[in-house]
Amino acid sequence: MKKAVLTGVGGPEKLEIVETESPVPGKDEVLIRVKHAGVAFADVIMRRGKYLGAPKFPLTPGYDVCGEITKLGPGVEGLQVGDTVLAFTQFGGYAEEVATKTVRVFKAPADINSAEGASLVLNYITAHQILTGYAALKSGQTILVYSAAGGVGTAALQLARVMGLKAYGACSSGKTEIVREYGAIPIDYKSEDVASRLRELEPNGVDMVLDPIGGEHLEESRALVKTGGFLICFGFFSAFSGDALTGGLGSTIRRMLALRFLQRRVKARFYSVNPNNRAKNEASMRELLALYEARKIKPLIGADLPLTEVREAHRLLTSGGSRGKIVLNCS
């Protein structure tokens, strides 16, 4: 089988396609023939050698996949060969086949669009758990989403519309129509100051800000949250300049810890999906699949590239010009 391998720390050129034996599923694991794998910033952080807990190089990235079960390991219950599934692989998804623990695997409709299916895992579960978990937002409440045309951003806007939230989306000028399409009010950060514009629209602030930027940007985000509201950081974009890491990822964590300690007015949290939290993730996925089948949500696929173009997928992701989710066709 073919898979993409990271040979060491560096740019996209460190990704290579190799031929290898198919993995053998261990206890409580299934072997999945991957149809599509998602490309995430977590994979870029792995490539830059800063992802905590990643295997040693050479390693295969790939956080989320959609595919078909072809083999069961010992002890597997509730899943069958031939099942179409979505899975948190975390590592190993950029491959024609991957073995992963059943705690991370969710059944999906057999006819699901596999590119969209892969997009439902990391991006939509992230957005769903942020919007429904911390503050249990209700219809009529307000949110601001930064990087609103990205993978998590578009997921959050679609879910906000379903929930009846009033959403604002910060995006570049070429992506304002995407934000409008999902029922949100765009704020073009290229032509106007996001903070000033939002204060005009919501003088008291919003109930929640979703910030994937981190770093010093968290101070601006905190100032836009109304008293008693939530600032949720879920990324480290501020640590990157294009594909290069220019700052410490730890600065975001330190700032979040300080904000949590001083949260007299705003509740600050850092969010990261726990792929092993079966009960929580399964509940989210059940709701998301129901919304997907009812055509109330539909992942935006910014690029659908063959596995052999994995380097280009990473270049697109870090260019800042991508929209929605970038996926790799591994079949």
C-alpha atoms as a PDB file:
ATOM      1  CA  MET A   1       0.000   0.000   0.000  1.00  0.00           C
ATOM      2  CA  LYS A   2       0.968   3.651  -0.388  1.00  0.00           C
ATOM      3  CA  LYS A   3       1.293   6.126   2.436  1.00  0.00           C
ATOM      4  CA  ALA A   4       2.799   9.555   3.017  1.00  0.00           C
ATOM      5  CA  VAL A   5       5.743   9.669   5.404  1.00  0.00           C
ATOM      6  CA  LEU A   6       7.338  12.594   7.206  1.00  0.00           C
ATOM      7  CA  THR A   7      11.057  11.973   7.093  1.00  0.00           C
ATOM      8  CA  GLY A   8      12.007  14.745   9.517  1.00  0.00           C
ATOM      9  CA  VAL A   9      11.418  18.319  10.633  1.00  0.00           C
ATOM     10  CA  GLY A  10      10.963  20.829   7.828  1.00  0.00           C
ATOM     11  CA  GLY A  11       8.735  22.050   5.028  1.00  0.00           C
ATOM     12  CA  PRO A  12       6.368  20.109   2.763  1.00  0.00           C
ATOM     13  CA  GLU A  13       9.389  18.625   0.968  1.00  0.00           C
ATOM     14  CA  LYS A  14       9.803  16.380   4.022  1.00  0.00           C
ATOM     15  CA  LEU A  15       6.668  14.475   2.970  1.00  0.00           C
ATOM     16  CA  GLU A  16       7.332  11.465   0.764  1.00  0.00           C
ATOM     17  CA  ILE A  17       5.127   8.728  -0.709  1.00  0.00           C
ATOM     18  CA  VAL A  18       6.368   5.217   0.076  1.00  0.00           C
ATOM     19  CA  GLU A  19       5.217   1.645  -0.516  1.00  0.00           C
ATOM     20  CA  THR A  20       4.828  -0.513   2.577  1.00  0.00           C
ATOM     21  CA  GLU A  21       3.009  -3.543   3.944  1.00  0.00           C
ATOM     22  CA  SER A  22      -0.580  -3.155   5.116  1.00  0.00           C
ATOM     23  CA  PRO A  23      -0.865  -2.700   8.900  1.00  0.00           C
ATOM     24  CA  VAL A  24      -2.274  -5.533  10.990  1.00  0.00           C
ATOM     25  CA  PRO A  25      -5.031  -4.456  13.411  1.00  0.00           C
ATOM     26  CA  GLY A  26      -4.281  -5.233  17.033  1.00  0.00           C
ATOM     27  CA  LYS A  27      -6.635  -5.822  19.942  1.00  0.00           C
ATOM     28  CA  ASP A  28      -9.730  -3.589  19.746  1.00  0.00           C
ATOM     29  CA  GLU A  29      -8.534  -2.169  16.428  1.00  0.00           C
ATOM     30  CA  VAL A  30      -9.959  -2.199  12.918  1.00  0.00           C
ATOM     31  CA  LEU A  31      -8.207  -1.871   9.574  1.00  0.00           C
ATOM     32  CA  ILE A  32      -9.737   0.883   7.441  1.00  0.00           C
ATOM     33  CA  ARG A  33      -9.336   1.247   3.694  1.00  0.00           C
ATOM     34  CA  VAL A  34      -9.090   5.025   3.552  1.00  0.00           C
ATOM     35  CA  LYS A  35     -11.146   6.845   0.946  1.00  0.00           C
ATOM     36  CA  HIS A  36     -10.389  10.396   2.083  1.00  0.00           C
ATOM     37  CA  ALA A  37      -8.148  11.818   4.789  1.00  0.00           C
ATOM     38  CA  GLY A  38      -8.371  15.330   6.169  1.00  0.00           C
ATOM     39  CA  VAL A  39      -5.437  17.736   6.229  1.00  0.00           C
ATOM     40  CA  ALA A  40      -5.186  19.720   9.471  1.00  0.00           C
ATOM     41  CA  PHE A  41      -2.884  22.256  11.114  1.00  0.00           C
ATOM     42  CA  ALA A  42      -2.115  19.529  13.644  1.00  0.00           C
ATOM     43  CA  ASP A  43      -0.351  17.734  10.779  1.00  0.00           C
ATOM     44  CA  VAL A  44       1.699  20.854  10.026  1.00  0.00           C
ATOM     45  CA  ILE A  45       2.719  21.115  13.682  1.00  0.00           C
ATOM     46  CA  MET A  46       3.788  17.443  13.505  1.00  0.00           C
ATOM     47  CA  ARG A  47       5.880  18.257  10.441  1.00  0.00           C
ATOM     48  CA  ARG A  48       7.539  21.091  12.313  1.00  0.00           C
ATOM     49  CA  GLY A  49       8.386  18.726  15.172  1.00  0.00           C
ATOM     50  CA  LYS A  50       6.273  20.500  17.793  1.00  0.00           C
ATOM     51  CA  TYR A  51       3.336  18.125  18.241  1.00  0.00           C
ATOM     52  CA  LEU A  52       3.394  16.671  21.739  1.00  0.00           C
ATOM     53  CA  GLY A  53       3.042  12.902  21.802  1.00  0.00           C
ATOM     54  CA  ALA A  54       3.773  12.363  18.101  1.00  0.00           C
ATOM     55  CA  PRO A  55       5.686   9.209  17.153  1.00  0.00           C
ATOM     56  CA  LYS A  56       9.345   9.552  16.217  1.00  0.00           C
ATOM     57  CA  PHE A  57      10.255  10.276  12.590  1.00  0.00           C
ATOM     58  CA  PRO A  58       9.580   8.814  10.133  1.00  0.00           C
ATOM     59  CA  LEU A  59       5.868   9.122  10.837  1.00  0.00           C
ATOM     60  CA  THR A  60       2.652   9.325   8.853  1.00  0.00           C
ATOM     61  CA  PRO A  61       0.354  12.265   9.704  1.00  0.00           C
ATOM     62  CA  GLY A  62      -3.406  12.280   9.219  1.00  0.00           C
ATOM     63  CA  TYR A  63      -5.868  13.122  11.985  1.00  0.00           C
ATOM     64  CA  ASP A  64      -9.239  12.196  10.446  1.00  0.00           C
ATOM     65  CA  VAL A  65     -10.459   9.785   7.770  1.00  0.00           C
ATOM     66  CA  CYS A  66     -13.494   8.336   6.054  1.00  0.00           C
ATOM     67  CA  GLY A  67     -13.269   4.805   4.728  1.00  0.00           C
ATOM     68  CA  GLU A  68     -14.387   1.179   4.902  1.00  0.00           C
ATOM     69  CA  ILE A  69     -13.477  -1.500   7.434  1.00  0.00           C
ATOM     70  CA  THR A  70     -11.600  -4.384   5.779  1.00  0.00           C
ATOM     71  CA  LYS A  71     -10.380  -6.353   8.797  1.00  0.00           C
ATOM     72  CA  LEU A  72     -11.201  -6.696  12.508  1.00  0.00           C
ATOM     73  CA  GLY A  73      -8.640  -7.126  15.241  1.00  0.00           C
ATOM     74  CA  PRO A  74      -9.212  -9.345  18.302  1.00  0.00           C
ATOM     75  CA  GLY A  75     -11.959  -8.243  20.676  1.00  0.00           C
ATOM     76  CA  VAL A  76     -13.787  -5.917  18.280  1.00  0.00           C
ATOM     77  CA  GLU A  77     -17.538  -5.672  18.872  1.00  0.00           C
ATOM     78  CA  GLY A  78     -20.240  -3.591  17.207  1.00  0.00           C
ATOM     79  CA  LEU A  79     -18.397  -3.142  13.918  1.00  0.00           C
ATOM     80  CA  GLN A  80     -18.247  -5.344  10.821  1.00  0.00           C
ATOM     81  CA  VAL A  81     -16.104  -5.760   7.742  1.00  0.00           C
ATOM     82  CA  GLY A  82     -17.695  -3.596   5.059  1.00  0.00           C
ATOM     83  CA  ASP A  83     -18.920  -0.868   7.443  1.00  0.00           C
ATOM     84  CA  THR A  84     -18.406   2.693   6.236  1.00  0.00           C
ATOM     85  CA  VAL A  85     -16.792   4.626   9.065  1.00  0.00           C
ATOM     86  CA  LEU A  86     -15.409   7.987  10.132  1.00  0.00           C
ATOM     87  CA  ALA A  87     -12.413   7.922  12.448  1.00  0.00           C
ATOM     88  CA  PHE A  88     -10.032   9.974  14.537  1.00  0.00           C
ATOM     89  CA  THR A  89      -6.751   8.392  13.493  1.00  0.00           C
ATOM     90  CA  GLN A  90      -4.656  11.288  14.904  1.00  0.00           C
ATOM     91  CA  PHE A  91      -1.613   9.731  13.205  1.00  0.00           C
ATOM     92  CA  GLY A  92      -1.483   7.536  10.101  1.00  0.00           C
ATOM     93  CA  GLY A  93      -4.428   8.844   8.081  1.00  0.00           C
ATOM     94  CA  TYR A  94      -2.421   9.815   4.977  1.00  0.00           C
ATOM     95  CA  ALA A  95      -2.450   6.243   3.687  1.00  0.00           C
ATOM     96  CA  GLU A  96      -4.411   3.771   1.630  1.00  0.00           C
ATOM     97  CA  GLU A  97      -4.977   1.750   4.812  1.00  0.00           C
ATOM     98  CA  VAL A  98      -4.763   2.555   8.509  1.00  0.00           C
ATOM     99  CA  ALA A  99      -5.362   0.601  11.726  1.00  0.00           C
ATOM    100  CA  THR A 100      -6.981   2.463  14.608  1.00  0.00           C
ATOM    101  CA  LYS A 101      -8.695   1.801  17.931  1.00  0.00           C
ATOM    102  CA  THR A 102     -12.458   1.271  17.816  1.00  0.00           C
ATOM    103  CA  VAL A 103     -12.936   3.932  20.519  1.00  0.00           C
ATOM    104  CA  ARG A 104     -12.112   6.435  17.760  1.00  0.00           C
ATOM    105  CA  VAL A 105     -14.351   4.952  15.060  1.00  0.00           C
ATOM    106  CA  PHE A 106     -17.944   5.925  14.195  1.00  0.00           C
ATOM    107  CA  LYS A 107     -20.338   4.254  11.779  1.00  0.00           C
ATOM    108  CA  ALA A 108     -21.546   6.390   8.885  1.00  0.00           C
ATOM    109  CA  PRO A 109     -24.105   5.970   6.095  1.00  0.00           C
ATOM    110  CA  ALA A 110     -22.765   3.740   3.316  1.00  0.00           C
ATOM    111  CA  ASP A 111     -23.466   6.383   0.680  1.00  0.00           C
ATOM    112  CA  ILE A 112     -21.791   9.299   2.474  1.00  0.00           C
ATOM    113  CA  ASN A 113     -19.576  11.527   0.349  1.00  0.00           C
ATOM    114  CA  SER A 114     -16.192  10.445   1.688  1.00  0.00           C
ATOM    115  CA  ALA A 115     -14.548  13.875   1.312  1.00  0.00           C
ATOM    116  CA  GLU A 116     -17.356  15.440   3.330  1.00  0.00           C
ATOM    117  CA  GLY A 117     -17.333  12.544   5.773  1.00  0.00           C
ATOM    118  CA  ALA A 118     -13.661  13.056   6.582  1.00  0.00           C
ATOM    119  CA  SER A 119     -14.417  16.750   7.158  1.00  0.00           C
ATOM    120  CA  LEU A 120     -17.097  15.979   9.745  1.00  0.00           C
ATOM    121  CA  VAL A 121     -14.652  14.414  12.175  1.00  0.00           C
ATOM    122  CA  LEU A 122     -12.104  16.922  13.494  1.00  0.00           C
ATOM    123  CA  ASN A 123     -13.578  20.204  12.201  1.00  0.00           C
ATOM    124  CA  TYR A 124     -17.239  19.681  12.978  1.00  0.00           C
ATOM    125  CA  ILE A 125     -16.761  17.883  16.281  1.00  0.00           C
ATOM    126  CA  THR A 126     -14.505  20.766  17.349  1.00  0.00           C
ATOM    127  CA  ALA A 127     -17.119  23.364  16.409  1.00  0.00           C
ATOM    128  CA  HIS A 128     -20.003  21.364  17.881  1.00  0.00           C
ATOM    129  CA  GLN A 129     -18.351  20.772  21.247  1.00  0.00           C
ATOM    130  CA  ILE A 130     -17.298  24.408  21.557  1.00  0.00           C
ATOM    131  CA  LEU A 131     -20.764  25.773  20.777  1.00  0.00           C
ATOM    132  CA  THR A 132     -22.748  23.260  22.808  1.00  0.00           C
ATOM    133  CA  GLY A 133     -20.349  22.475  25.635  1.00  0.00           C
ATOM    134  CA  TYR A 134     -18.888  25.480  27.398  1.00  0.00           C
ATOM    135  CA  ALA A 135     -21.785  27.917  27.465  1.00  0.00           C
ATOM    136  CA  ALA A 136     -24.609  25.812  25.981  1.00  0.00           C
ATOM    137  CA  LEU A 137     -25.451  28.757  23.751  1.00  0.00           C
ATOM    138  CA  LYS A 138     -29.113  29.433  23.044  1.00  0.00           C
ATOM    139  CA  SER A 139     -30.981  30.899  20.088  1.00  0.00           C
ATOM    140  CA  GLY A 140     -30.442  34.639  19.786  1.00  0.00           C
ATOM    141  CA  GLN A 141     -27.046  34.697  21.489  1.00  0.00           C
ATOM    142  CA  THR A 142     -24.025  36.062  19.646  1.00  0.00           C
ATOM    143  CA  ILE A 143     -20.657  34.711  18.526  1.00  0.00           C
ATOM    144  CA  LEU A 144     -17.627  35.995  16.648  1.00  0.00           C
ATOM    145  CA  VAL A 145     -15.620  33.466  14.643  1.00  0.00           C
ATOM    146  CA  TYR A 146     -12.098  34.302  13.478  1.00  0.00           C
ATOM    147  CA  SER A 147     -10.811  32.545  10.346  1.00  0.00           C
ATOM    148  CA  ALA A 148     -14.475  32.140   9.538  1.00  0.00           C
ATOM    149  CA  ALA A 149     -13.940  30.692   6.055  1.00  0.00           C
ATOM    150  CA  GLY A 150     -11.619  27.935   7.278  1.00  0.00           C
ATOM    151  CA  GLY A 151     -12.455  24.355   8.149  1.00  0.00           C
ATOM    152  CA  VAL A 152     -13.577  24.886  11.749  1.00  0.00           C
ATOM    153  CA  GLY A 153     -14.873  28.386  10.930  1.00  0.00           C
ATOM    154  CA  THR A 154     -17.328  27.237   8.263  1.00  0.00           C
ATOM    155  CA  ALA A 155     -18.418  24.359  10.508  1.00  0.00           C
ATOM    156  CA  ALA A 156     -19.078  26.789  13.376  1.00  0.00           C
ATOM    157  CA  LEU A 157     -21.079  29.165  11.156  1.00  0.00           C
ATOM    158  CA  GLN A 158     -23.259  26.360   9.803  1.00  0.00           C
ATOM    159  CA  LEU A 159     -23.930  25.023  13.289  1.00  0.00           C
ATOM    160  CA  ALA A 160     -24.597  28.537  14.579  1.00  0.00           C
ATOM    161  CA  ARG A 161     -27.287  28.964  11.935  1.00  0.00           C
ATOM    162  CA  VAL A 162     -28.900  25.674  12.966  1.00  0.00           C
ATOM    163  CA  MET A 163     -28.812  26.796  16.619  1.00  0.00           C
ATOM    164  CA  GLY A 164     -30.325  30.203  15.837  1.00  0.00           C
ATOM    165  CA  LEU A 165     -27.242  32.129  16.940  1.00  0.00           C
ATOM    166  CA  LYS A 166     -26.323  35.538  15.583  1.00  0.00           C
ATOM    167  CA  ALA A 167     -22.872  35.043  14.104  1.00  0.00           C
ATOM    168  CA  TYR A 168     -20.122  37.361  12.925  1.00  0.00           C
ATOM    169  CA  GLY A 169     -17.269  36.025  10.840  1.00  0.00           C
ATOM    170  CA  ALA A 170     -13.854  37.656  10.497  1.00  0.00           C
ATOM    171  CA  CYS A 171     -12.373  36.804   7.106  1.00  0.00           C
ATOM    172  CA  SER A 172     -10.398  38.228   4.189  1.00  0.00           C
ATOM    173  CA  SER A 173     -12.113  40.196   1.423  1.00  0.00           C
ATOM    174  CA  GLY A 174     -12.276  37.289  -1.007  1.00  0.00           C
ATOM    175  CA  LYS A 175     -14.200  35.104   1.453  1.00  0.00           C
ATOM    176  CA  THR A 176     -17.020  37.373   2.636  1.00  0.00           C
ATOM    177  CA  GLU A 177     -19.565  35.662   0.388  1.00  0.00           C
ATOM    178  CA  ILE A 178     -18.858  32.322   2.070  1.00  0.00           C
ATOM    179  CA  VAL A 179     -19.601  33.869   5.457  1.00  0.00           C
ATOM    180  CA  ARG A 180     -22.828  35.419   4.164  1.00  0.00           C
ATOM    181  CA  GLU A 181     -23.859  32.125   2.581  1.00  0.00           C
ATOM    182  CA  TYR A 182     -23.813  30.524   6.023  1.00  0.00           C
ATOM    183  CA  GLY A 183     -26.040  33.223   7.496  1.00  0.00           C
ATOM    184  CA  ALA A 184     -23.346  35.216   9.306  1.00  0.00           C
ATOM    185  CA  ILE A 185     -22.284  38.849   9.073  1.00  0.00           C
ATOM    186  CA  PRO A 186     -18.789  39.125   7.553  1.00  0.00           C
ATOM    187  CA  ILE A 187     -16.138  41.508   8.863  1.00  0.00           C
ATOM    188  CA  ASP A 188     -13.328  41.939   6.346  1.00  0.00           C
ATOM    189  CA  TYR A 189     -10.156  42.212   8.400  1.00  0.00           C
ATOM    190  CA  LYS A 190      -8.248  43.379   5.324  1.00  0.00           C
ATOM    191  CA  SER A 191     -10.288  46.571   4.938  1.00  0.00           C
ATOM    192  CA  GLU A 192     -11.540  47.297   8.452  1.00  0.00           C
ATOM    193  CA  ASP A 193     -10.528  46.827  12.056  1.00  0.00           C
ATOM    194  CA  VAL A 194     -12.436  43.808  13.373  1.00  0.00           C
ATOM    195  CA  ALA A 195     -12.567  45.046  16.968  1.00  0.00           C
ATOM    196  CA  SER A 196     -13.826  48.519  16.039  1.00  0.00           C
ATOM    197  CA  ARG A 197     -16.437  47.154  13.658  1.00  0.00           C
ATOM    198  CA  LEU A 198     -17.740  44.595  16.141  1.00  0.00           C
ATOM    199  CA  ARG A 199     -18.053  47.235  18.872  1.00  0.00           C
ATOM    200  CA  GLU A 200     -20.233  49.253  16.488  1.00  0.00           C
ATOM    201  CA  LEU A 201     -22.450  46.238  15.865  1.00  0.00           C
ATOM    202  CA  GLU A 202     -22.421  44.798  19.406  1.00  0.00           C
ATOM    203  CA  PRO A 203     -21.506  47.583  21.890  1.00  0.00           C
ATOM    204  CA  ASN A 204     -21.700  45.201  24.862  1.00  0.00           C
ATOM    205  CA  GLY A 205     -19.684  42.483  23.143  1.00  0.00           C
ATOM    206  CA  VAL A 206     -20.639  38.956  22.079  1.00  0.00           C
ATOM    207  CA  ASP A 207     -21.418  35.876  24.137  1.00  0.00           C
ATOM    208  CA  MET A 208     -18.523  33.874  22.697  1.00  0.00           C
ATOM    209  CA  VAL A 209     -15.418  34.438  20.584  1.00  0.00           C
ATOM    210  CA  LEU A 210     -13.847  31.502  18.748  1.00  0.00           C
ATOM    211  CA  ASP A 211     -10.147  32.294  18.254  1.00  0.00           C
ATOM    212  CA  PRO A 212      -7.765  29.959  16.357  1.00  0.00           C
ATOM    213  CA  ILE A 213      -5.039  32.612  16.271  1.00  0.00           C
ATOM    214  CA  GLY A 214      -3.797  32.642  19.864  1.00  0.00           C
ATOM    215  CA  GLY A 215      -0.773  34.563  21.114  1.00  0.00           C
ATOM    216  CA  GLU A 216      -1.155  38.312  21.540  1.00  0.00           C
ATOM    217  CA  HIS A 217      -4.402  38.191  19.550  1.00  0.00           C
ATOM    218  CA  LEU A 218      -6.144  36.726  22.587  1.00  0.00           C
ATOM    219  CA  GLU A 219      -6.166  40.146  24.247  1.00  0.00           C
ATOM    220  CA  GLU A 220      -8.192  41.623  21.388  1.00  0.00           C
ATOM    221  CA  SER A 221     -10.565  38.657  21.475  1.00  0.00           C
ATOM    222  CA  ARG A 222     -11.068  38.912  25.238  1.00  0.00           C
ATOM    223  CA  ALA A 223     -12.014  42.580  24.941  1.00  0.00           C
ATOM    224  CA  LEU A 224     -14.834  41.674  22.540  1.00  0.00           C
ATOM    225  CA  VAL A 225     -16.545  39.209  24.907  1.00  0.00           C
ATOM    226  CA  LYS A 226     -19.372  40.543  27.053  1.00  0.00           C
ATOM    227  CA  THR A 227     -19.278  40.123  30.812  1.00  0.00           C
ATOM    228  CA  GLY A 228     -19.876  36.491  31.692  1.00  0.00           C
ATOM    229  CA  GLY A 229     -19.128  35.339  28.146  1.00  0.00           C
ATOM    230  CA  PHE A 230     -16.534  32.893  26.817  1.00  0.00           C
ATOM    231  CA  LEU A 231     -13.289  33.209  24.914  1.00  0.00           C
ATOM    232  CA  ILE A 232     -12.421  29.876  23.319  1.00  0.00           C
ATOM    233  CA  CYS A 233      -8.977  29.472  21.759  1.00  0.00           C
ATOM    234  CA  PHE A 234      -8.517  26.388  19.598  1.00  0.00           C
ATOM    235  CA  GLY A 235      -5.390  27.057  17.538  1.00  0.00           C
ATOM    236  CA  PHE A 236      -1.947  28.603  17.164  1.00  0.00           C
ATOM    237  CA  PHE A 237      -2.074  30.494  13.844  1.00  0.00           C
ATOM    238  CA  SER A 238      -0.099  33.353  15.403  1.00  0.00           C
ATOM    239  CA  ALA A 239       2.905  31.039  15.717  1.00  0.00           C
ATOM    240  CA  PHE A 240       3.142  30.692  11.926  1.00  0.00           C
ATOM    241  CA  SER A 241       4.264  32.946   9.107  1.00  0.00           C
ATOM    242  CA  GLY A 242       3.147  31.004   6.083  1.00  0.00           C
ATOM    243  CA  ASP A 243       4.577  27.528   6.588  1.00  0.00           C
ATOM    244  CA  ALA A 244       7.326  28.606   8.965  1.00  0.00           C
ATOM    245  CA  LEU A 245       7.052  28.567  12.743  1.00  0.00           C
ATOM    246  CA  THR A 246       8.066  32.038  13.899  1.00  0.00           C
ATOM    247  CA  GLY A 247       6.944  32.000  17.521  1.00  0.00           C
ATOM    248  CA  GLY A 248       6.607  29.659  20.427  1.00  0.00           C
ATOM    249  CA  LEU A 249       3.417  27.631  20.660  1.00  0.00           C
ATOM    250  CA  GLY A 250       3.801  27.855  24.417  1.00  0.00           C
ATOM    251  CA  SER A 251       3.028  31.585  24.403  1.00  0.00           C
ATOM    252  CA  THR A 252      -0.621  30.835  23.636  1.00  0.00           C
ATOM    253  CA  ILE A 253      -0.827  28.346  26.495  1.00  0.00           C
ATOM    254  CA  ARG A 254       0.784  30.802  28.921  1.00  0.00           C
ATOM    255  CA  ARG A 255      -1.601  33.575  27.912  1.00  0.00           C
ATOM    256  CA  MET A 256      -4.603  31.289  28.278  1.00  0.00           C
ATOM    257  CA  LEU A 257      -3.472  30.238  31.753  1.00  0.00           C
ATOM    258  CA  ALA A 258      -3.107  33.887  32.727  1.00  0.00           C
ATOM    259  CA  LEU A 259      -6.541  34.723  31.334  1.00  0.00           C
ATOM    260  CA  ARG A 260      -8.108  31.819  33.220  1.00  0.00           C
ATOM    261  CA  PHE A 261      -6.480  32.961  36.441  1.00  0.00           C
ATOM    262  CA  LEU A 262      -7.715  36.516  35.942  1.00  0.00           C
ATOM    263  CA  GLN A 263     -11.144  35.626  34.559  1.00  0.00           C
ATOM    264  CA  ARG A 264     -13.163  38.085  36.602  1.00  0.00           C
ATOM    265  CA  ARG A 265     -15.182  39.198  33.577  1.00  0.00           C
ATOM    266  CA  VAL A 266     -14.574  36.662  30.798  1.00  0.00           C
ATOM    267  CA  LYS A 267     -14.224  32.886  30.984  1.00  0.00           C
ATOM    268  CA  ALA A 268     -11.230  31.800  28.883  1.00  0.00           C
ATOM    269  CA  ARG A 269     -10.695  28.221  27.760  1.00  0.00           C
ATOM    270  CA  PHE A 270      -8.366  26.356  25.395  1.00  0.00           C
ATOM    271  CA  TYR A 271     -10.139  23.643  23.413  1.00  0.00           C
ATOM    272  CA  SER A 272      -8.638  20.533  21.880  1.00  0.00           C
ATOM    273  CA  VAL A 273     -10.509  17.403  20.832  1.00  0.00           C
ATOM    274  CA  ASN A 274      -9.787  14.290  22.902  1.00  0.00           C
ATOM    275  CA  PRO A 275      -9.923  11.490  20.293  1.00  0.00           C
ATOM    276  CA  ASN A 276     -10.349   8.880  23.040  1.00  0.00           C
ATOM    277  CA  ASN A 277     -13.437  10.423  24.676  1.00  0.00           C
ATOM    278  CA  ARG A 278     -15.807   7.971  23.074  1.00  0.00           C
ATOM    279  CA  ALA A 279     -19.030   9.031  24.784  1.00  0.00           C
ATOM    280  CA  LYS A 280     -18.592  12.743  24.096  1.00  0.00           C
ATOM    281  CA  ASN A 281     -17.395  12.345  20.513  1.00  0.00           C
ATOM    282  CA  GLU A 282     -20.047   9.770  19.631  1.00  0.00           C
ATOM    283  CA  ALA A 283     -22.803  12.060  20.937  1.00  0.00           C
ATOM    284  CA  SER A 284     -21.460  14.909  18.791  1.00  0.00           C
ATOM    285  CA  MET A 285     -21.106  12.718  15.727  1.00  0.00           C
ATOM    286  CA  ARG A 286     -24.625  11.350  16.108  1.00  0.00           C
ATOM    287  CA  GLU A 287     -26.036  14.881  16.059  1.00  0.00           C
ATOM    288  CA  LEU A 288     -23.769  15.951  13.214  1.00  0.00           C
ATOM    289  CA  LEU A 289     -24.707  12.989  11.008  1.00  0.00           C
ATOM    290  CA  ALA A 290     -28.404  13.692  11.624  1.00  0.00           C
ATOM    291  CA  LEU A 291     -27.894  17.316  10.547  1.00  0.00           C
ATOM    292  CA  TYR A 292     -25.819  16.200   7.562  1.00  0.00           C
ATOM    293  CA  GLU A 293     -28.447  13.712   6.370  1.00  0.00           C
ATOM    294  CA  ALA A 294     -31.118  16.401   6.809  1.00  0.00           C
ATOM    295  CA  ARG A 295     -28.929  18.686   4.628  1.00  0.00           C
ATOM    296  CA  LYS A 296     -28.698  21.310   7.334  1.00  0.00           C
ATOM    297  CA  ILE A 297     -24.896  21.193   7.291  1.00  0.00           C
ATOM    298  CA  LYS A 298     -22.538  20.469   4.398  1.00  0.00           C
ATOM    299  CA  PRO A 299     -18.742  20.625   4.694  1.00  0.00           C
ATOM    300  CA  LEU A 300     -17.022  23.035   2.339  1.00  0.00           C
ATOM    301  CA  ILE A 301     -14.228  21.228   0.496  1.00  0.00           C
ATOM    302  CA  GLY A 302     -11.554  23.724  -0.439  1.00  0.00           C
ATOM    303  CA  ALA A 303      -9.360  21.219  -2.269  1.00  0.00           C
ATOM    304  CA  ASP A 304      -9.617  17.493  -2.990  1.00  0.00           C
ATOM    305  CA  LEU A 305      -6.172  16.237  -3.994  1.00  0.00           C
ATOM    306  CA  PRO A 306      -4.746  12.755  -4.598  1.00  0.00           C
ATOM    307  CA  LEU A 307      -2.520  11.339  -1.880  1.00  0.00           C
ATOM    308  CA  THR A 308       0.502  11.797  -4.151  1.00  0.00           C
ATOM    309  CA  GLU A 309      -0.027  15.589  -3.958  1.00  0.00           C
ATOM    310  CA  VAL A 310       0.279  15.725  -0.179  1.00  0.00           C
ATOM    311  CA  ARG A 311       3.006  18.377  -0.392  1.00  0.00           C
ATOM    312  CA  GLU A 312       0.694  20.663  -2.344  1.00  0.00           C
ATOM    313  CA  ALA A 313      -2.064  20.064   0.213  1.00  0.00           C
ATOM    314  CA  HIS A 314       0.241  21.319   2.974  1.00  0.00           C
ATOM    315  CA  ARG A 315       1.301  24.327   0.902  1.00  0.00           C
ATOM    316  CA  LEU A 316      -2.336  25.235   0.327  1.00  0.00           C
ATOM    317  CA  LEU A 317      -3.207  24.901   4.001  1.00  0.00           C
ATOM    318  CA  THR A 318      -0.430  27.204   5.168  1.00  0.00           C
ATOM    319  CA  SER A 319      -0.820  29.738   2.335  1.00  0.00           C
ATOM    320  CA  GLY A 320      -3.765  31.432   4.044  1.00  0.00           C
ATOM    321  CA  GLY A 321      -5.816  31.269   0.860  1.00  0.00           C
ATOM    322  CA  SER A 322      -7.593  27.965   1.417  1.00  0.00           C
ATOM    323  CA  ARG A 323     -11.309  27.719   2.171  1.00  0.00           C
ATOM    324  CA  GLY A 324     -13.071  25.062   4.172  1.00  0.00           C
ATOM    325  CA  LYS A 325     -11.362  21.675   4.474  1.00  0.00           C
ATOM    326  CA  ILE A 326      -8.497  20.311   2.399  1.00  0.00           C
ATOM    327  CA  VAL A 327      -8.692  16.551   1.876  1.00  0.00           C
ATOM    328  CA  LEU A 328      -6.564  13.831   0.305  1.00  0.00           C
ATOM    329  CA  ASN A 329      -8.111  11.152  -1.909  1.00  0.00           C
ATOM    330  CA  CYS A 330      -6.368   8.003  -0.692  1.00  0.00           C
ATOM    331  CA  SER A 331      -8.317   5.504  -2.785  1.00  0.00           C
END
